[in-house]
Amino acid sequence: MISKLIAHLQPLGRVAVAYSGGVDSTLVLKAAVDALGADHVVALLAVSPSLPQSEKDEAVSLAKQLGARLELLPTKETNDPQYQANAPNRCYFCKDHVYRALRQFAEQNGIMHVLDGMNAEDTLDVRPGRAAARELKILSPLHDLGFSKKDVREAAKAVGLPNWDKPAAACLASRVPYGTSVTPKLLSQIERAEAALFDLGFRELRVRHHGDVARLEVPEADLVQALQQRNEITAALRAVGYTYITLDLAGFRSGSMNEVLKARAA
């Protein structure tokens, strides 16, 4: 399928890629470089308090491995009162800031097309940010070509991307219940909590913030490990400011904060 993606990108000439270091946007970046040449592609990484430092560092390193030009663009979504209010459409205000910054950079550098890494399955969950992408004419080649997440990982593995099996990531604000104000201080607390648990050996997890309560989600296969390390986990999360530590017995679910929206709509 990678040849199909490369052929799809070849007519575009010059492109900017909304790049996060995740497998989807990395595959788009790799295909764009192969299709158009490194001189005609720039990866744009939006940097704000909602991006963990570890994710930023990994993304920078990976772009260098691919020989791609990388630009770090500071974005100001966390200063926006509409973003901070954390209504169910928070993602729209986030993506509006991010995509406007990317589109502005592209236009200032004579680049017509901005690509993102949305795949064909990403529309199955609540995605208010897609409206911002449509308004700013962001192209989604993986979605347009029908790439599922499985297709993306298989293609990434086939071309030798080192992050082909990297767990899906999401901005730190996705750990906060709707209606709870999102601030840089709160995002930093969540980042430090998750970093501490990665240091304990967990590869995929979310620390969902509920005031004094940290609700830990890990894959079902890691629940026993979490119970065995409960003392270390408790100490680590109390060290960053949580009083009560809970383990979600339903396990890790991407987008679990949206479950309350689906329940209300039922």
Protein backbone atom coordinates (compact mmCIF):
# COMPACT_ATOMS: atom_id res chain seq x y z
CA MET A 1 0.00 0.00 0.00
CA ILE A 2 2.95 2.33 0.42
CA SER A 3 3.34 2.56 -3.37
CA LYS A 4 -0.30 3.63 -3.57
CA LEU A 5 0.36 6.39 -1.04
CA ILE A 6 3.52 7.56 -2.83
CA ALA A 7 1.67 7.73 -6.15
CA HIS A 8 -1.12 9.72 -4.49
CA LEU A 9 1.36 12.31 -3.19
CA GLN A 10 3.53 12.73 -6.29
CA PRO A 11 1.29 15.31 -8.06
CA LEU A 12 1.35 17.65 -5.04
CA GLY A 13 4.78 19.16 -5.74
CA ARG A 14 5.67 20.64 -2.33
CA VAL A 15 4.00 19.76 0.96
CA ALA A 16 4.05 20.44 4.68
CA VAL A 17 3.19 17.56 6.98
CA ALA A 18 1.43 18.03 10.32
CA TYR A 19 3.85 15.79 12.17
CA SER A 20 3.66 14.42 15.70
CA GLY A 21 6.10 11.51 15.68
CA GLY A 22 3.23 9.03 15.80
CA VAL A 23 3.12 6.20 13.29
CA ASP A 24 0.42 7.79 11.10
CA SER A 25 2.07 11.15 10.50
CA THR A 26 5.50 9.51 10.28
CA LEU A 27 4.27 7.26 7.47
CA VAL A 28 2.87 10.28 5.63
CA LEU A 29 6.18 12.10 6.11
CA LYS A 30 8.21 9.12 4.88
CA ALA A 31 5.98 8.66 1.83
CA ALA A 32 6.13 12.39 1.04
CA VAL A 33 9.93 12.40 1.17
CA ASP A 34 10.04 9.33 -1.09
CA ALA A 35 7.49 10.79 -3.49
CA LEU A 36 8.72 14.37 -3.71
CA GLY A 37 12.27 14.44 -2.35
CA ALA A 38 13.42 15.87 0.97
CA ASP A 39 13.88 19.36 -0.48
CA HIS A 40 10.14 19.57 -1.23
CA VAL A 41 8.84 18.40 2.15
CA VAL A 42 8.82 20.02 5.58
CA ALA A 43 7.58 18.40 8.78
CA LEU A 44 5.82 20.81 11.13
CA LEU A 45 5.66 19.90 14.82
CA ALA A 46 3.29 21.98 16.95
CA VAL A 47 4.80 22.59 20.39
CA SER A 48 2.76 23.59 23.44
CA PRO A 49 2.19 22.42 27.03
CA SER A 50 -0.19 19.75 25.67
CA LEU A 51 2.77 17.94 24.04
CA PRO A 52 4.87 15.83 26.44
CA GLN A 53 8.59 16.59 26.28
CA SER A 54 9.34 12.91 25.66
CA GLU A 55 7.05 12.90 22.60
CA LYS A 56 8.73 16.03 21.28
CA ASP A 57 12.20 14.55 21.73
CA GLU A 58 11.24 11.31 19.99
CA ALA A 59 9.65 13.18 17.09
CA VAL A 60 12.72 15.35 16.57
CA SER A 61 15.02 12.32 16.61
CA LEU A 62 12.86 10.37 14.17
CA ALA A 63 12.60 13.23 11.68
CA LYS A 64 16.39 13.40 11.64
CA GLN A 65 16.57 9.66 10.95
CA LEU A 66 14.27 10.15 7.96
CA GLY A 67 16.39 13.02 6.64
CA ALA A 68 13.37 15.31 6.74
CA ARG A 69 13.44 19.02 7.37
CA LEU A 70 11.69 19.75 10.66
CA GLU A 71 10.28 23.03 11.96
CA LEU A 72 9.03 23.43 15.53
CA LEU A 73 6.04 25.78 15.67
CA PRO A 74 4.98 27.12 19.08
CA THR A 75 1.19 27.21 19.31
CA LYS A 76 -0.97 29.10 21.80
CA GLU A 77 -4.06 26.94 22.21
CA THR A 78 -3.57 26.60 25.98
CA ASN A 79 -3.97 30.40 26.29
CA ASP A 80 -7.37 30.33 24.58
CA PRO A 81 -10.28 30.63 27.10
CA GLN A 82 -12.43 28.47 24.81
CA TYR A 83 -9.79 25.71 24.92
CA GLN A 84 -9.31 26.11 28.67
CA ALA A 85 -13.06 25.79 29.28
CA ASN A 86 -12.74 22.18 28.10
CA ALA A 87 -16.18 21.73 26.59
CA PRO A 88 -16.76 18.61 24.46
CA ASN A 89 -15.61 20.60 21.41
CA ARG A 90 -12.27 21.57 23.00
CA CYS A 91 -10.43 19.67 20.26
CA TYR A 92 -11.84 22.07 17.68
CA PHE A 93 -10.20 25.08 19.33
CA CYS A 94 -6.94 23.16 19.73
CA LYS A 95 -6.81 22.09 16.10
CA ASP A 96 -7.89 25.52 14.91
CA HIS A 97 -4.82 27.05 16.59
CA VAL A 98 -2.52 24.28 15.40
CA TYR A 99 -3.70 24.07 11.80
CA ARG A 100 -3.76 27.87 11.44
CA ALA A 101 -0.12 28.00 12.55
CA LEU A 102 0.78 25.25 10.09
CA ARG A 103 -1.19 26.83 7.25
CA GLN A 104 0.41 30.23 7.93
CA PHE A 105 3.90 28.71 7.81
CA ALA A 106 3.07 26.89 4.58
CA GLU A 107 1.71 29.98 2.87
CA GLN A 108 4.67 32.10 3.96
CA ASN A 109 6.97 29.50 2.39
CA GLY A 110 5.06 29.03 -0.85
CA ILE A 111 3.66 25.62 0.05
CA MET A 112 0.09 24.99 -1.08
CA HIS A 113 -0.64 21.65 0.54
CA VAL A 114 -0.66 20.71 4.25
CA LEU A 115 -1.11 17.01 5.05
CA ASP A 116 -2.08 15.30 8.28
CA GLY A 117 -2.00 11.68 9.45
CA MET A 118 -5.69 10.97 9.98
CA ASN A 119 -6.47 7.40 8.95
CA ALA A 120 -9.76 5.86 7.89
CA GLU A 121 -10.64 4.72 11.42
CA ASP A 122 -10.09 8.07 13.12
CA THR A 123 -13.59 9.28 12.26
CA LEU A 124 -15.17 6.47 14.32
CA ASP A 125 -14.63 8.38 17.60
CA VAL A 126 -15.64 11.90 18.63
CA ARG A 127 -13.35 14.19 16.60
CA PRO A 128 -14.38 17.89 16.75
CA GLY A 129 -10.95 18.82 15.39
CA ARG A 130 -11.86 17.47 11.97
CA ALA A 131 -14.03 20.56 11.41
CA ALA A 132 -10.96 22.76 11.81
CA ALA A 133 -9.05 20.57 9.36
CA ARG A 134 -11.79 20.90 6.76
CA GLU A 135 -12.07 24.67 7.24
CA LEU A 136 -8.33 25.09 6.68
CA LYS A 137 -8.23 22.61 3.79
CA ILE A 138 -5.87 20.14 5.43
CA LEU A 139 -5.42 17.00 3.32
CA SER A 140 -5.67 13.51 4.86
CA PRO A 141 -4.16 11.07 2.36
CA LEU A 142 -4.36 8.01 4.63
CA HIS A 143 -8.05 8.60 5.16
CA ASP A 144 -8.69 9.31 1.48
CA LEU A 145 -6.96 6.06 0.46
CA GLY A 146 -8.80 3.99 3.07
CA PHE A 147 -5.81 3.13 5.28
CA SER A 148 -6.94 1.45 8.49
CA LYS A 149 -4.70 1.57 11.56
CA LYS A 150 -3.61 -1.99 10.74
CA ASP A 151 -2.74 -0.91 7.19
CA VAL A 152 -0.70 2.00 8.54
CA ARG A 153 1.30 -0.22 10.88
CA GLU A 154 1.92 -2.84 8.19
CA ALA A 155 3.09 -0.20 5.71
CA ALA A 156 5.28 1.47 8.34
CA LYS A 157 6.88 -1.87 9.22
CA ALA A 158 7.42 -2.67 5.54
CA VAL A 159 9.38 0.55 4.97
CA GLY A 160 11.39 0.12 8.16
CA LEU A 161 9.96 2.85 10.35
CA PRO A 162 11.18 2.23 13.91
CA ASN A 163 7.91 3.43 15.43
CA TRP A 164 5.66 1.09 13.42
CA ASP A 165 4.32 -0.51 16.62
CA LYS A 166 4.36 2.60 18.82
CA PRO A 167 1.21 2.82 20.97
CA ALA A 168 -1.23 5.53 19.97
CA ALA A 169 -0.71 8.82 21.76
CA ALA A 170 -3.01 11.76 22.37
CA CYS A 171 -2.58 15.28 23.69
CA LEU A 172 -2.40 15.56 27.46
CA ALA A 173 -5.70 17.45 27.61
CA SER A 174 -7.49 14.23 26.65
CA ARG A 175 -6.87 13.03 30.22
CA VAL A 176 -9.09 15.77 31.70
CA PRO A 177 -12.88 15.39 32.14
CA TYR A 178 -14.99 17.79 30.12
CA GLY A 179 -15.86 20.84 32.17
CA THR A 180 -12.63 20.79 34.18
CA SER A 181 -10.47 23.75 33.18
CA VAL A 182 -7.32 22.81 31.26
CA THR A 183 -4.25 24.79 32.32
CA PRO A 184 -0.51 24.39 31.66
CA LYS A 185 -0.03 23.55 35.36
CA LEU A 186 -2.55 20.71 35.17
CA LEU A 187 -1.05 19.39 31.93
CA SER A 188 2.39 19.38 33.54
CA GLN A 189 1.08 17.33 36.46
CA ILE A 190 -0.37 14.73 34.11
CA GLU A 191 2.83 14.65 32.05
CA ARG A 192 4.97 14.05 35.15
CA ALA A 193 2.59 11.34 36.36
CA GLU A 194 2.72 9.42 33.11
CA ALA A 195 6.48 9.84 32.78
CA ALA A 196 6.91 8.28 36.21
CA LEU A 197 4.84 5.26 35.19
CA PHE A 198 6.75 4.84 31.94
CA ASP A 199 9.86 4.71 34.11
CA LEU A 200 8.26 1.83 36.02
CA GLY A 201 8.12 -0.20 32.81
CA PHE A 202 4.63 0.46 31.42
CA ARG A 203 4.56 1.03 27.67
CA GLU A 204 0.95 2.08 27.13
CA LEU A 205 -1.11 3.95 29.70
CA ARG A 206 -3.22 6.98 30.52
CA VAL A 207 -3.46 8.87 33.80
CA ARG A 208 -6.97 10.33 33.80
CA HIS A 209 -7.23 13.38 36.03
CA HIS A 210 -10.19 13.67 38.40
CA GLY A 211 -9.13 16.37 40.86
CA ASP A 212 -7.32 14.65 43.74
CA VAL A 213 -7.92 11.28 42.06
CA ALA A 214 -5.67 9.74 39.40
CA ARG A 215 -7.47 7.00 37.44
CA LEU A 216 -4.87 4.79 35.82
CA GLU A 217 -5.70 2.98 32.58
CA VAL A 218 -3.37 0.23 31.34
CA PRO A 219 -4.07 -2.56 28.84
CA GLU A 220 -5.86 -5.57 30.33
CA ALA A 221 -2.68 -7.62 29.93
CA ASP A 222 -0.89 -5.19 32.28
CA LEU A 223 -3.50 -5.11 35.07
CA VAL A 224 -1.72 -7.79 37.09
CA GLN A 225 1.59 -5.93 36.74
CA ALA A 226 -0.09 -2.74 37.92
CA LEU A 227 -1.44 -4.48 41.01
CA GLN A 228 1.95 -6.01 41.72
CA GLN A 229 3.55 -2.55 41.50
CA ARG A 230 0.76 -0.73 43.34
CA ASN A 231 3.09 0.59 46.03
CA GLU A 232 5.50 2.09 43.49
CA ILE A 233 2.63 3.48 41.43
CA THR A 234 0.99 5.03 44.47
CA ALA A 235 4.23 6.65 45.57
CA ALA A 236 4.96 7.98 42.08
CA LEU A 237 1.53 9.55 41.60
CA ARG A 238 1.36 11.00 45.10
CA ALA A 239 4.75 12.59 44.45
CA VAL A 240 3.24 14.65 41.63
CA GLY A 241 0.25 15.79 43.64
CA TYR A 242 -2.48 13.14 43.58
CA THR A 243 -4.04 12.01 46.86
CA TYR A 244 -6.03 8.99 45.71
CA ILE A 245 -4.86 6.46 43.13
CA THR A 246 -7.28 4.13 41.33
CA LEU A 247 -6.81 1.41 38.72
CA ASP A 248 -9.52 1.27 36.05
CA LEU A 249 -10.54 -2.41 35.83
CA ALA A 250 -11.93 -1.91 32.32
CA GLY A 251 -8.37 -1.34 31.12
CA PHE A 252 -6.96 1.12 28.63
CA ARG A 253 -9.43 2.65 26.17
CA SER A 254 -8.39 5.34 23.74
CA GLY A 255 -10.76 8.27 24.10
CA SER A 256 -12.39 6.96 27.27
CA MET A 257 -13.27 10.50 28.36
CA ASN A 258 -15.77 10.49 25.48
CA GLU A 259 -17.75 7.65 27.05
CA VAL A 260 -19.77 10.15 29.07
CA LEU A 261 -20.80 11.90 25.84
CA LYS A 262 -21.95 8.65 24.26
CA ALA A 263 -23.90 7.73 27.41
CA ARG A 264 -25.71 11.07 27.35
CA ALA A 265 -26.60 10.62 23.69
CA ALA A 266 -27.99 7.10 24.21
